């Protein structure tokens, strides 16, 4: 019997591939797109809200800055107005005119004009007492018997810048005061910027020209100069009425060389003129404000 060759086993049939569920893929893709879109929208929304909040704060702070600037300017103009009452006083104008004429004649005329100084002194004392251009009261009996250095007052100078009369406590002429007087004699009202006086307290000065009676010239025949100590009368004007922010602060700064000098008290208790930082201090608001006022 002939043997037959064995029949090869049939190859296993390949398992059919599971068909792709296009609907499921589409749904997953749509969900992913929604997630990506939501993330982008969220970031955009947050960015827009942040930008809107910054703009609102900018507007709000601009209103505060403008209102505090107006308040400080009002304070300065009021002080100029006090001294204008002196410079435009008919008796003062007449006296200074006579003094100028007496200096031109010399001799007894100067002595006679000097005798009128007592009236002016009384007038300047009354003005200083009424307007705040005066030193603080002496403390204790010992202090009353000691001659104190001049820190504040109202004074008159002639056309040469020489003192004529003043209220008690008027400080001696400093270089800054002489510069202000020179400008005033040229007919220009001048502010003497904040400085530390003899009492180690911040002070500020004002100078105005005195014109002769019926004088049509642009130059003064003399000048009135006032120096006053700084205190709450100015610094309280930096506080915004109705402000509720616990960390909000408004302060005055100026550039001194390559530094930022803080002119007003700070919320951390730093007194005026006691803090100075370099202009390149990182993230220094005062430096930015001075560069872009």
Protein backbone atom coordinates (compact mmCIF):
# COMPACT_ATOMS: atom_id res chain seq x y z
CA UNK A 1 0.00 0.00 0.00
CA UNK A 2 1.42 3.25 -0.93
CA UNK A 3 1.54 5.82 1.74
CA UNK A 4 -0.02 9.15 0.97
CA UNK A 5 1.71 12.39 1.86
CA UNK A 6 0.21 14.12 4.84
CA UNK A 7 -2.03 17.04 4.01
CA UNK A 8 -0.51 20.28 5.42
CA UNK A 9 -2.53 21.92 8.15
CA UNK A 10 -4.52 24.88 7.02
CA UNK A 11 -3.07 28.21 8.01
CA UNK A 12 -4.94 29.92 10.75
CA UNK A 13 -7.05 32.61 9.40
CA UNK A 14 -5.85 36.16 10.41
CA UNK A 15 -8.07 37.90 12.93
CA UNK A 16 -9.97 40.68 11.30
CA UNK A 17 -8.96 44.29 12.43
CA UNK A 18 -11.48 46.06 14.62
CA UNK A 19 -12.94 48.90 12.65
CA UNK A 20 -11.99 52.44 13.92
CA UNK A 21 -14.84 54.21 15.53
CA UNK A 22 -14.65 57.51 13.73
CA UNK A 23 -17.38 58.97 15.84
CA UNK A 24 -15.41 58.32 19.03
CA UNK A 25 -12.23 59.80 17.54
CA UNK A 26 -14.16 62.83 16.44
CA UNK A 27 -15.63 63.23 19.90
CA UNK A 28 -12.23 62.95 21.57
CA UNK A 29 -10.78 65.48 19.12
CA UNK A 30 -13.62 67.85 19.78
CA UNK A 31 -13.12 67.51 23.54
CA UNK A 32 -9.40 68.22 23.15
CA UNK A 33 -10.16 71.26 21.03
CA UNK A 34 -12.63 72.44 23.64
CA UNK A 35 -10.04 72.00 26.39
CA UNK A 36 -7.37 73.85 24.41
CA UNK A 37 -9.86 76.57 23.53
CA UNK A 38 -10.96 76.87 27.14
CA UNK A 39 -7.36 77.19 28.31
CA UNK A 40 -6.60 79.85 25.71
CA UNK A 41 -9.82 81.69 26.52
CA UNK A 42 -9.06 81.52 30.23
CA UNK A 43 -5.57 82.96 29.79
CA UNK A 44 -6.91 85.65 27.47
CA UNK A 45 -9.73 86.46 29.87
CA UNK A 46 -7.32 86.68 32.81
CA UNK A 47 -4.93 88.82 30.77
CA UNK A 48 -7.73 91.13 29.65
CA UNK A 49 -9.04 91.43 33.21
CA UNK A 50 -5.55 92.14 34.49
CA UNK A 51 -5.04 94.81 31.83
CA UNK A 52 -8.44 96.31 32.61
CA UNK A 53 -7.64 96.32 36.34
CA UNK A 54 -4.29 97.99 35.69
CA UNK A 55 -5.98 100.65 33.58
CA UNK A 56 -8.54 101.24 36.30
CA UNK A 57 -5.76 101.61 38.87
CA UNK A 58 -3.85 103.92 36.55
CA UNK A 59 -6.89 106.16 36.18
CA UNK A 60 -7.54 106.05 39.92
CA UNK A 61 -3.93 106.85 40.85
CA UNK A 62 -3.82 109.62 38.25
CA UNK A 63 -6.85 111.21 39.90
CA UNK A 64 -5.15 110.92 43.31
CA UNK A 65 -1.90 112.37 41.98
CA UNK A 66 -3.67 115.26 40.26
CA UNK A 67 -5.76 116.08 43.32
CA UNK A 68 -2.74 115.97 45.67
CA UNK A 69 -0.75 118.12 43.22
CA UNK A 70 -3.58 120.64 43.23
CA UNK A 71 -3.66 120.59 47.04
CA UNK A 72 0.10 121.20 47.30
CA UNK A 73 -0.03 123.95 44.67
CA UNK A 74 -2.88 125.57 46.58
CA UNK A 75 -0.76 125.52 49.73
CA UNK A 76 2.19 127.13 47.93
CA UNK A 77 0.01 129.78 46.31
CA UNK A 78 -1.50 130.59 49.70
CA UNK A 79 1.96 131.24 51.11
CA UNK A 80 2.84 133.45 48.16
CA UNK A 81 -0.43 135.28 48.80
CA UNK A 82 0.58 135.90 52.44
CA UNK A 83 3.82 137.52 51.32
CA UNK A 84 2.06 139.37 48.53
CA UNK A 85 0.09 141.16 51.24
CA UNK A 86 3.45 142.47 52.47
CA UNK A 87 4.98 143.29 49.09
CA UNK A 88 1.84 145.15 47.96
CA UNK A 89 1.30 146.98 51.23
CA UNK A 90 1.40 150.74 50.50
CA UNK A 91 3.38 151.52 53.66
CA UNK A 92 6.00 148.91 52.82
CA UNK A 93 6.30 150.17 49.24
CA UNK A 94 6.62 153.76 50.47
CA UNK A 95 9.23 152.86 53.07
CA UNK A 96 11.37 150.88 50.64
CA UNK A 97 11.08 153.68 48.07
CA UNK A 98 12.24 156.21 50.65
CA UNK A 99 15.05 153.89 51.69
CA UNK A 100 16.28 153.64 48.11
CA UNK A 101 16.16 157.43 47.80
CA UNK A 102 17.89 157.85 51.16
CA UNK A 103 20.69 155.49 50.15
CA UNK A 104 21.20 157.56 47.03
CA UNK A 105 21.46 160.78 49.09
CA UNK A 106 23.37 159.25 52.00
CA UNK A 107 24.06 160.90 55.35
CA UNK A 108 21.17 161.84 57.62
CA UNK A 109 18.58 160.67 55.12
CA UNK A 110 19.62 157.05 55.73
CA UNK A 111 19.38 157.58 59.51
CA UNK A 112 15.88 159.04 59.15
CA UNK A 113 14.73 156.12 56.97
CA UNK A 114 16.18 153.62 59.44
CA UNK A 115 14.03 155.14 62.19
CA UNK A 116 10.94 153.93 60.35
CA UNK A 117 12.10 150.33 60.56
CA UNK A 118 10.30 149.79 63.88
CA UNK A 119 6.93 150.19 62.20
CA UNK A 120 7.89 147.63 59.57
CA UNK A 121 9.18 145.25 62.23
CA UNK A 122 5.86 145.35 64.06
CA UNK A 123 4.03 144.79 60.78
CA UNK A 124 6.26 141.80 59.93
CA UNK A 125 5.79 140.33 63.41
CA UNK A 126 2.01 140.52 63.06
CA UNK A 127 2.19 138.96 59.61
CA UNK A 128 4.42 136.11 60.79
CA UNK A 129 2.16 135.34 63.75
CA UNK A 130 -0.95 135.31 61.60
CA UNK A 131 0.38 133.28 58.66
CA UNK A 132 2.64 130.71 60.36
CA UNK A 133 5.98 132.13 59.25
CA UNK A 134 7.35 131.88 62.77
CA UNK A 135 9.55 129.58 64.85
CA UNK A 136 8.01 127.14 67.31
CA UNK A 137 7.54 128.50 70.83
CA UNK A 138 10.40 128.11 73.27
CA UNK A 139 10.06 125.25 75.74
CA UNK A 140 10.81 125.90 79.40
CA UNK A 141 12.20 128.89 81.25
CA UNK A 142 15.81 128.09 80.38
CA UNK A 143 15.02 128.09 76.68
CA UNK A 144 13.45 131.52 77.02
CA UNK A 145 16.76 132.96 78.25
CA UNK A 146 18.84 131.49 75.45
CA UNK A 147 19.10 133.18 72.08
CA UNK A 148 17.97 130.67 69.52
CA UNK A 149 19.16 130.31 65.94
CA UNK A 150 16.74 131.73 63.41
CA UNK A 151 14.59 129.12 61.71
CA UNK A 152 11.50 130.91 60.38
CA UNK A 153 10.22 134.43 59.81
CA UNK A 154 9.43 137.22 57.37
CA UNK A 155 12.01 139.77 56.28
CA UNK A 156 12.60 142.68 53.91
CA UNK A 157 15.74 143.32 51.89
CA UNK A 158 16.77 146.32 49.85
CA UNK A 159 17.77 146.44 46.18
CA UNK A 160 21.24 145.16 47.10
CA UNK A 161 19.85 142.17 49.01
CA UNK A 162 20.84 143.63 52.37
CA UNK A 163 18.42 142.94 55.26
CA UNK A 164 16.23 145.90 56.25
CA UNK A 165 13.77 144.55 58.80
CA UNK A 166 12.48 141.16 59.90
CA UNK A 167 10.36 139.33 62.41
CA UNK A 168 12.05 137.52 65.33
CA UNK A 169 13.44 134.13 64.38
CA UNK A 170 14.19 135.00 60.76
CA UNK A 171 17.18 132.87 59.69
CA UNK A 172 20.31 134.54 58.30
CA UNK A 173 20.70 134.82 54.54
CA UNK A 174 21.87 131.52 53.09
CA UNK A 175 23.19 131.00 49.53
CA UNK A 176 19.81 129.59 48.46
CA UNK A 177 18.02 132.58 49.99
CA UNK A 178 20.35 135.01 48.23
CA UNK A 179 19.67 133.31 44.90
CA UNK A 180 15.92 133.57 45.54
CA UNK A 181 16.24 137.25 46.48
CA UNK A 182 18.22 137.96 43.30
CA UNK A 183 15.46 136.38 41.22
CA UNK A 184 12.79 138.27 43.15
CA UNK A 185 14.58 141.57 42.54
CA UNK A 186 14.39 140.73 38.85
CA UNK A 187 10.61 140.61 39.26
CA UNK A 188 10.23 136.82 39.52
CA UNK A 189 8.38 135.19 42.47
CA UNK A 190 10.67 132.42 43.68
CA UNK A 191 10.32 129.26 45.76
CA UNK A 192 13.19 128.17 47.98
CA UNK A 193 13.01 124.40 47.83
CA UNK A 194 12.74 122.29 50.97
CA UNK A 195 15.90 122.35 53.10
CA UNK A 196 16.98 121.43 56.62
CA UNK A 197 17.14 124.54 58.78
CA UNK A 198 19.10 125.36 61.91
CA UNK A 199 16.61 123.42 64.03
CA UNK A 200 17.20 120.26 61.94
CA UNK A 201 13.60 120.53 60.78
CA UNK A 202 12.55 120.81 57.13
CA UNK A 203 11.75 124.32 56.00
CA UNK A 204 10.74 126.08 52.79
CA UNK A 205 11.02 129.68 51.64
CA UNK A 206 9.25 132.15 49.36
CA UNK A 207 10.48 135.43 47.88
CA UNK A 208 8.54 138.19 46.11
CA UNK A 209 9.62 141.51 44.59
CA UNK A 210 8.60 144.86 46.04
CA UNK A 211 7.87 147.50 43.44
CA UNK A 212 7.88 151.22 44.08
CA UNK A 213 4.63 153.17 44.22
CA UNK A 214 3.50 153.93 40.66
CA UNK A 215 6.58 152.07 39.45
CA UNK A 216 6.09 150.62 35.97
CA UNK A 217 9.47 148.88 35.81
CA UNK A 218 9.91 145.12 35.83
CA UNK A 219 12.61 145.06 38.53
CA UNK A 220 11.95 145.30 42.23
CA UNK A 221 13.35 147.99 44.49
CA UNK A 222 13.40 145.46 47.29
CA UNK A 223 12.08 142.02 48.17
CA UNK A 224 10.13 140.25 50.89
CA UNK A 225 11.27 136.79 51.88
CA UNK A 226 9.49 134.32 54.12
CA UNK A 227 10.74 131.06 55.63
CA UNK A 228 8.47 128.59 57.37
CA UNK A 229 8.91 125.18 58.96
CA UNK A 230 7.11 122.30 57.31
CA UNK A 231 4.60 120.22 59.19
CA UNK A 232 1.11 118.80 59.00
CA UNK A 233 -0.17 121.90 57.20
CA UNK A 234 1.58 120.61 54.06
CA UNK A 235 2.05 116.89 54.66
CA UNK A 236 -1.60 116.27 55.52
CA UNK A 237 -2.45 117.49 52.03
CA UNK A 238 -0.71 114.42 50.61
CA UNK A 239 -3.39 112.17 52.11
CA UNK A 240 -6.26 111.48 49.74
CA UNK A 241 -9.63 112.20 51.42
CA UNK A 242 -11.76 109.07 51.60
CA UNK A 243 -8.91 106.70 50.75
CA UNK A 244 -9.42 103.22 52.25
CA UNK A 245 -6.31 101.40 50.97
CA UNK A 246 -4.14 100.30 53.86
CA UNK A 247 -0.97 100.32 51.75
CA UNK A 248 -1.71 103.43 49.69
CA UNK A 249 0.86 106.21 50.08
CA UNK A 250 1.57 109.56 48.46
CA UNK A 251 4.92 111.24 49.01
CA UNK A 252 7.19 113.92 47.57
CA UNK A 253 10.56 113.14 46.01
CA UNK A 254 13.26 115.10 44.20
CA UNK A 255 16.49 114.25 42.41
CA UNK A 256 19.70 115.02 44.26
CA UNK A 257 22.66 114.11 42.06
CA UNK A 258 22.28 110.41 41.35
CA UNK A 259 19.91 109.78 44.24
CA UNK A 260 16.22 110.01 45.03
CA UNK A 261 15.53 112.09 48.13
CA UNK A 262 12.24 111.66 49.98
CA UNK A 263 10.95 115.06 51.09
CA UNK A 264 7.86 114.03 53.05
CA UNK A 265 7.25 111.56 55.89
CA UNK A 266 6.78 107.93 54.86
CA UNK A 267 4.29 105.40 56.11
CA UNK A 268 7.08 103.34 57.70
CA UNK A 269 7.80 106.23 60.08
CA UNK A 270 10.76 107.74 58.21
CA UNK A 271 10.86 111.53 58.86
CA UNK A 272 11.14 114.04 56.01
CA UNK A 273 14.52 114.31 54.26
CA UNK A 274 15.83 111.27 56.13
CA UNK A 275 15.71 108.73 53.30
CA UNK A 276 17.84 108.74 50.15
CA UNK A 277 18.26 105.93 47.62
CA UNK A 278 20.29 105.72 44.43
CA UNK A 279 18.48 106.18 41.13
CA UNK A 280 19.52 102.71 39.94
CA UNK A 281 17.86 100.94 42.88
CA UNK A 282 15.83 98.09 41.30
CA UNK A 283 12.06 98.68 41.02
CA UNK A 284 12.29 102.08 42.75
CA UNK A 285 9.02 103.93 42.19
CA UNK A 286 10.54 107.30 43.05
CA UNK A 287 13.23 106.96 40.36
CA UNK A 288 10.62 105.99 37.76
CA UNK A 289 8.47 108.95 38.73
CA UNK A 290 11.39 111.37 38.39
CA UNK A 291 12.26 110.00 34.96
CA UNK A 292 8.63 110.05 33.79
CA UNK A 293 6.80 112.60 35.94
